[in-house]
Structure formats: structure tokens, C-alpha cells
Amino acid sequence: MLLPEDLEQQFQVELEQFEEARQVRYVTAIERMAEQRGRQEIAKRSP
């Protein structure tokens, strides 16, 4: 769908604002496993 240039620019601005507001760090399964292992190692070392 083609928008008039002014609407296209407005859409781009609003899309960027939406994406920035919703920005959430994605954690991969490997990162989650590494974090869990790290927590387990810390728990083992704590008296």
C-alpha cells in the first residue's frame, strides 16, 4: 500500500516511537541456561 509522502513520514515517526517504547531485550535459551548455571554456582559457593 502506498501512502502519500507526508503520511509515510508520519507513519515512520510513529513506528519508531512505538518500537522504542516497546523495546524489550530478547534473551535466548542459551543465555537463560548460562544465567541459571551462574546462579547455581553462586548458590553453591554461598555459605
PDB file of N, CA and C in Angstrom:
ATOM      1  N   MET A   1       0.843  -1.171   0.000  1.00  0.00           N
ATOM      2  CA  MET A   1       0.000   0.000   0.000  1.00  0.00           C
ATOM      3  C   MET A   1       0.888   1.234   0.000  1.00  0.00           C
ATOM      4  N   LEU A   2       0.656   2.109  -0.890  1.00  0.00           N
ATOM      5  CA  LEU A   2       1.422   3.344  -0.957  1.00  0.00           C
ATOM      6  C   LEU A   2       0.667   4.460  -0.248  1.00  0.00           C
ATOM      7  N   LEU A   3       1.408   5.162   0.588  1.00  0.00           N
ATOM      8  CA  LEU A   3       0.831   6.305   1.285  1.00  0.00           C
ATOM      9  C   LEU A   3       1.378   7.587   0.678  1.00  0.00           C
ATOM     10  N   PRO A   4       0.635   8.662   0.800  1.00  0.00           N
ATOM     11  CA  PRO A   4       1.194   9.951   0.403  1.00  0.00           C
ATOM     12  C   PRO A   4       2.442  10.223   1.252  1.00  0.00           C
ATOM     13  N   GLU A   5       3.364  10.978   0.705  1.00  0.00           N
ATOM     14  CA  GLU A   5       4.666  11.176   1.353  1.00  0.00           C
ATOM     15  C   GLU A   5       4.534  11.692   2.786  1.00  0.00           C
ATOM     16  N   ASP A   6       3.656  12.646   3.031  1.00  0.00           N
ATOM     17  CA  ASP A   6       3.522  13.185   4.386  1.00  0.00           C
ATOM     18  C   ASP A   6       3.002  12.125   5.359  1.00  0.00           C
ATOM     19  N   LEU A   7       2.074  11.288   4.922  1.00  0.00           N
ATOM     20  CA  LEU A   7       1.581  10.217   5.778  1.00  0.00           C
ATOM     21  C   LEU A   7       2.636   9.135   5.988  1.00  0.00           C
ATOM     22  N   GLU A   8       3.430   8.868   4.982  1.00  0.00           N
ATOM     23  CA  GLU A   8       4.521   7.892   5.100  1.00  0.00           C
ATOM     24  C   GLU A   8       5.520   8.356   6.153  1.00  0.00           C
ATOM     25  N   GLN A   9       5.871   9.627   6.133  1.00  0.00           N
ATOM     26  CA  GLN A   9       6.812  10.162   7.119  1.00  0.00           C
ATOM     27  C   GLN A   9       6.222  10.102   8.519  1.00  0.00           C
ATOM     28  N   GLN A  10       4.951  10.465   8.645  1.00  0.00           N
ATOM     29  CA  GLN A  10       4.282  10.415   9.937  1.00  0.00           C
ATOM     30  C   GLN A  10       4.245   8.974  10.457  1.00  0.00           C
ATOM     31  N   PHE A  11       3.949   8.038   9.579  1.00  0.00           N
ATOM     32  CA  PHE A  11       3.917   6.633   9.955  1.00  0.00           C
ATOM     33  C   PHE A  11       5.285   6.171  10.453  1.00  0.00           C
ATOM     34  N   GLN A  12       6.340   6.534   9.750  1.00  0.00           N
ATOM     35  CA  GLN A  12       7.689   6.124  10.143  1.00  0.00           C
ATOM     36  C   GLN A  12       8.039   6.667  11.523  1.00  0.00           C
ATOM     37  N   VAL A  13       7.704   7.920  11.775  1.00  0.00           N
ATOM     38  CA  VAL A  13       7.992   8.528  13.082  1.00  0.00           C
ATOM     39  C   VAL A  13       7.237   7.782  14.179  1.00  0.00           C
ATOM     40  N   GLU A  14       5.953   7.542  13.949  1.00  0.00           N
ATOM     41  CA  GLU A  14       5.145   6.852  14.951  1.00  0.00           C
ATOM     42  C   GLU A  14       5.602   5.407  15.155  1.00  0.00           C
ATOM     43  N   LEU A  15       6.011   4.751  14.105  1.00  0.00           N
ATOM     44  CA  LEU A  15       6.513   3.387  14.218  1.00  0.00           C
ATOM     45  C   LEU A  15       7.796   3.343  15.047  1.00  0.00           C
ATOM     46  N   GLU A  16       8.694   4.271  14.807  1.00  0.00           N
ATOM     47  CA  GLU A  16       9.937   4.325  15.591  1.00  0.00           C
ATOM     48  C   GLU A  16       9.633   4.575  17.057  1.00  0.00           C
ATOM     49  N   GLN A  17       8.700   5.474  17.348  1.00  0.00           N
ATOM     50  CA  GLN A  17       8.334   5.763  18.730  1.00  0.00           C
ATOM     51  C   GLN A  17       7.722   4.527  19.390  1.00  0.00           C
ATOM     52  N   PHE A  18       6.881   3.827  18.658  1.00  0.00           N
ATOM     53  CA  PHE A  18       6.265   2.606  19.172  1.00  0.00           C
ATOM     54  C   PHE A  18       7.323   1.556  19.483  1.00  0.00           C
ATOM     55  N   GLU A  19       8.252   1.349  18.561  1.00  0.00           N
ATOM     56  CA  GLU A  19       9.294   0.341  18.761  1.00  0.00           C
ATOM     57  C   GLU A  19      10.190   0.698  19.943  1.00  0.00           C
ATOM     58  N   GLU A  20      10.519   1.971  20.101  1.00  0.00           N
ATOM     59  CA  GLU A  20      11.351   2.389  21.227  1.00  0.00           C
ATOM     60  C   GLU A  20      10.622   2.170  22.549  1.00  0.00           C
ATOM     61  N   ALA A  21       9.334   2.454  22.578  1.00  0.00           N
ATOM     62  CA  ALA A  21       8.550   2.290  23.799  1.00  0.00           C
ATOM     63  C   ALA A  21       8.410   0.823  24.174  1.00  0.00           C
ATOM     64  N   ARG A  22       8.406  -0.050  23.206  1.00  0.00           N
ATOM     65  CA  ARG A  22       8.205  -1.479  23.439  1.00  0.00           C
ATOM     66  C   ARG A  22       9.501  -2.265  23.469  1.00  0.00           C
ATOM     67  N   GLN A  23      10.621  -1.579  23.430  1.00  0.00           N
ATOM     68  CA  GLN A  23      11.903  -2.264  23.320  1.00  0.00           C
ATOM     69  C   GLN A  23      12.151  -3.140  24.544  1.00  0.00           C
ATOM     70  N   VAL A  24      12.241  -4.412  24.313  1.00  0.00           N
ATOM     71  CA  VAL A  24      12.493  -5.401  25.358  1.00  0.00           C
ATOM     72  C   VAL A  24      13.673  -6.240  24.908  1.00  0.00           C
ATOM     73  N   ARG A  25      14.587  -6.443  25.819  1.00  0.00           N
ATOM     74  CA  ARG A  25      15.758  -7.246  25.488  1.00  0.00           C
ATOM     75  C   ARG A  25      15.332  -8.694  25.312  1.00  0.00           C
ATOM     76  N   TYR A  26      15.696  -9.278  24.197  1.00  0.00           N
ATOM     77  CA  TYR A  26      15.395 -10.679  23.939  1.00  0.00           C
ATOM     78  C   TYR A  26      16.511 -11.538  24.506  1.00  0.00           C
ATOM     79  N   VAL A  27      16.158 -12.492  25.324  1.00  0.00           N
ATOM     80  CA  VAL A  27      17.134 -13.392  25.925  1.00  0.00           C
ATOM     81  C   VAL A  27      16.963 -14.761  25.264  1.00  0.00           C
ATOM     82  N   THR A  28      18.036 -15.246  24.685  1.00  0.00           N
ATOM     83  CA  THR A  28      17.968 -16.550  24.024  1.00  0.00           C
ATOM     84  C   THR A  28      17.965 -17.668  25.056  1.00  0.00           C
ATOM     85  N   ALA A  29      17.605 -18.848  24.620  1.00  0.00           N
ATOM     86  CA  ALA A  29      17.590 -20.015  25.502  1.00  0.00           C
ATOM     87  C   ALA A  29      18.983 -20.280  26.061  1.00  0.00           C
ATOM     88  N   ILE A  30      19.991 -20.097  25.245  1.00  0.00           N
ATOM     89  CA  ILE A  30      21.372 -20.331  25.700  1.00  0.00           C
ATOM     90  C   ILE A  30      21.747 -19.330  26.786  1.00  0.00           C
ATOM     91  N   GLU A  31      21.341 -18.073  26.611  1.00  0.00           N
ATOM     92  CA  GLU A  31      21.623 -17.062  27.632  1.00  0.00           C
ATOM     93  C   GLU A  31      20.905 -17.397  28.941  1.00  0.00           C
ATOM     94  N   ARG A  32      19.656 -17.840  28.843  1.00  0.00           N
ATOM     95  CA  ARG A  32      18.907 -18.216  30.049  1.00  0.00           C
ATOM     96  C   ARG A  32      19.584 -19.372  30.776  1.00  0.00           C
ATOM     97  N   MET A  33      20.058 -20.372  30.018  1.00  0.00           N
ATOM     98  CA  MET A  33      20.741 -21.508  30.638  1.00  0.00           C
ATOM     99  C   MET A  33      22.032 -21.054  31.311  1.00  0.00           C
ATOM    100  N   ALA A  34      22.767 -20.165  30.670  1.00  0.00           N
ATOM    101  CA  ALA A  34      24.018 -19.668  31.251  1.00  0.00           C
ATOM    102  C   ALA A  34      23.739 -18.886  32.533  1.00  0.00           C
ATOM    103  N   GLU A  35      22.688 -18.092  32.531  1.00  0.00           N
ATOM    104  CA  GLU A  35      22.332 -17.341  33.739  1.00  0.00           C
ATOM    105  C   GLU A  35      21.945 -18.293  34.869  1.00  0.00           C
ATOM    106  N   GLN A  36      21.198 -19.319  34.541  1.00  0.00           N
ATOM    107  CA  GLN A  36      20.789 -20.303  35.544  1.00  0.00           C
ATOM    108  C   GLN A  36      22.016 -21.012  36.121  1.00  0.00           C
ATOM    109  N   ARG A  37      22.934 -21.405  35.270  1.00  0.00           N
ATOM    110  CA  ARG A  37      24.164 -22.055  35.752  1.00  0.00           C
ATOM    111  C   ARG A  37      24.950 -21.120  36.650  1.00  0.00           C
ATOM    112  N   GLY A  38      25.015 -19.860  36.272  1.00  0.00           N
ATOM    113  CA  GLY A  38      25.722 -18.882  37.094  1.00  0.00           C
ATOM    114  C   GLY A  38      25.092 -18.746  38.473  1.00  0.00           C
ATOM    115  N   ARG A  39      23.762 -18.703  38.507  1.00  0.00           N
ATOM    116  CA  ARG A  39      23.066 -18.611  39.798  1.00  0.00           C
ATOM    117  C   ARG A  39      23.316 -19.860  40.639  1.00  0.00           C
ATOM    118  N   GLN A  40      23.345 -21.011  39.991  1.00  0.00           N
ATOM    119  CA  GLN A  40      23.591 -22.253  40.725  1.00  0.00           C
ATOM    120  C   GLN A  40      25.010 -22.264  41.299  1.00  0.00           C
ATOM    121  N   GLU A  41      25.966 -21.801  40.530  1.00  0.00           N
ATOM    122  CA  GLU A  41      27.357 -21.747  41.014  1.00  0.00           C
ATOM    123  C   GLU A  41      27.484 -20.793  42.192  1.00  0.00           C
ATOM    124  N   ILE A  42      26.819 -19.663  42.125  1.00  0.00           N
ATOM    125  CA  ILE A  42      26.864 -18.698  43.241  1.00  0.00           C
ATOM    126  C   ILE A  42      26.210 -19.318  44.463  1.00  0.00           C
ATOM    127  N   ALA A  43      25.095 -20.011  44.279  1.00  0.00           N
ATOM    128  CA  ALA A  43      24.406 -20.638  45.408  1.00  0.00           C
ATOM    129  C   ALA A  43      25.286 -21.700  46.058  1.00  0.00           C
ATOM    130  N   LYS A  44      26.049 -22.438  45.269  1.00  0.00           N
ATOM    131  CA  LYS A  44      26.941 -23.464  45.815  1.00  0.00           C
ATOM    132  C   LYS A  44      28.040 -22.844  46.672  1.00  0.00           C
ATOM    133  N   ARG A  45      28.535 -21.678  46.262  1.00  0.00           N
ATOM    134  CA  ARG A  45      29.645 -21.025  46.950  1.00  0.00           C
ATOM    135  C   ARG A  45      29.194 -20.280  48.199  1.00  0.00           C
ATOM    136  N   SER A  46      27.947 -19.903  48.263  1.00  0.00           N
ATOM    137  CA  SER A  46      27.451 -19.131  49.418  1.00  0.00           C
ATOM    138  C   SER A  46      27.277 -20.040  50.606  1.00  0.00           C
ATOM    139  N   PRO A  47      27.740 -19.583  51.787  1.00  0.00           N
ATOM    140  CA  PRO A  47      27.599 -20.430  52.993  1.00  0.00           C
ATOM    141  C   PRO A  47      26.175 -20.488  53.479  1.00  0.00           C
TER     142      PRO A  47
END
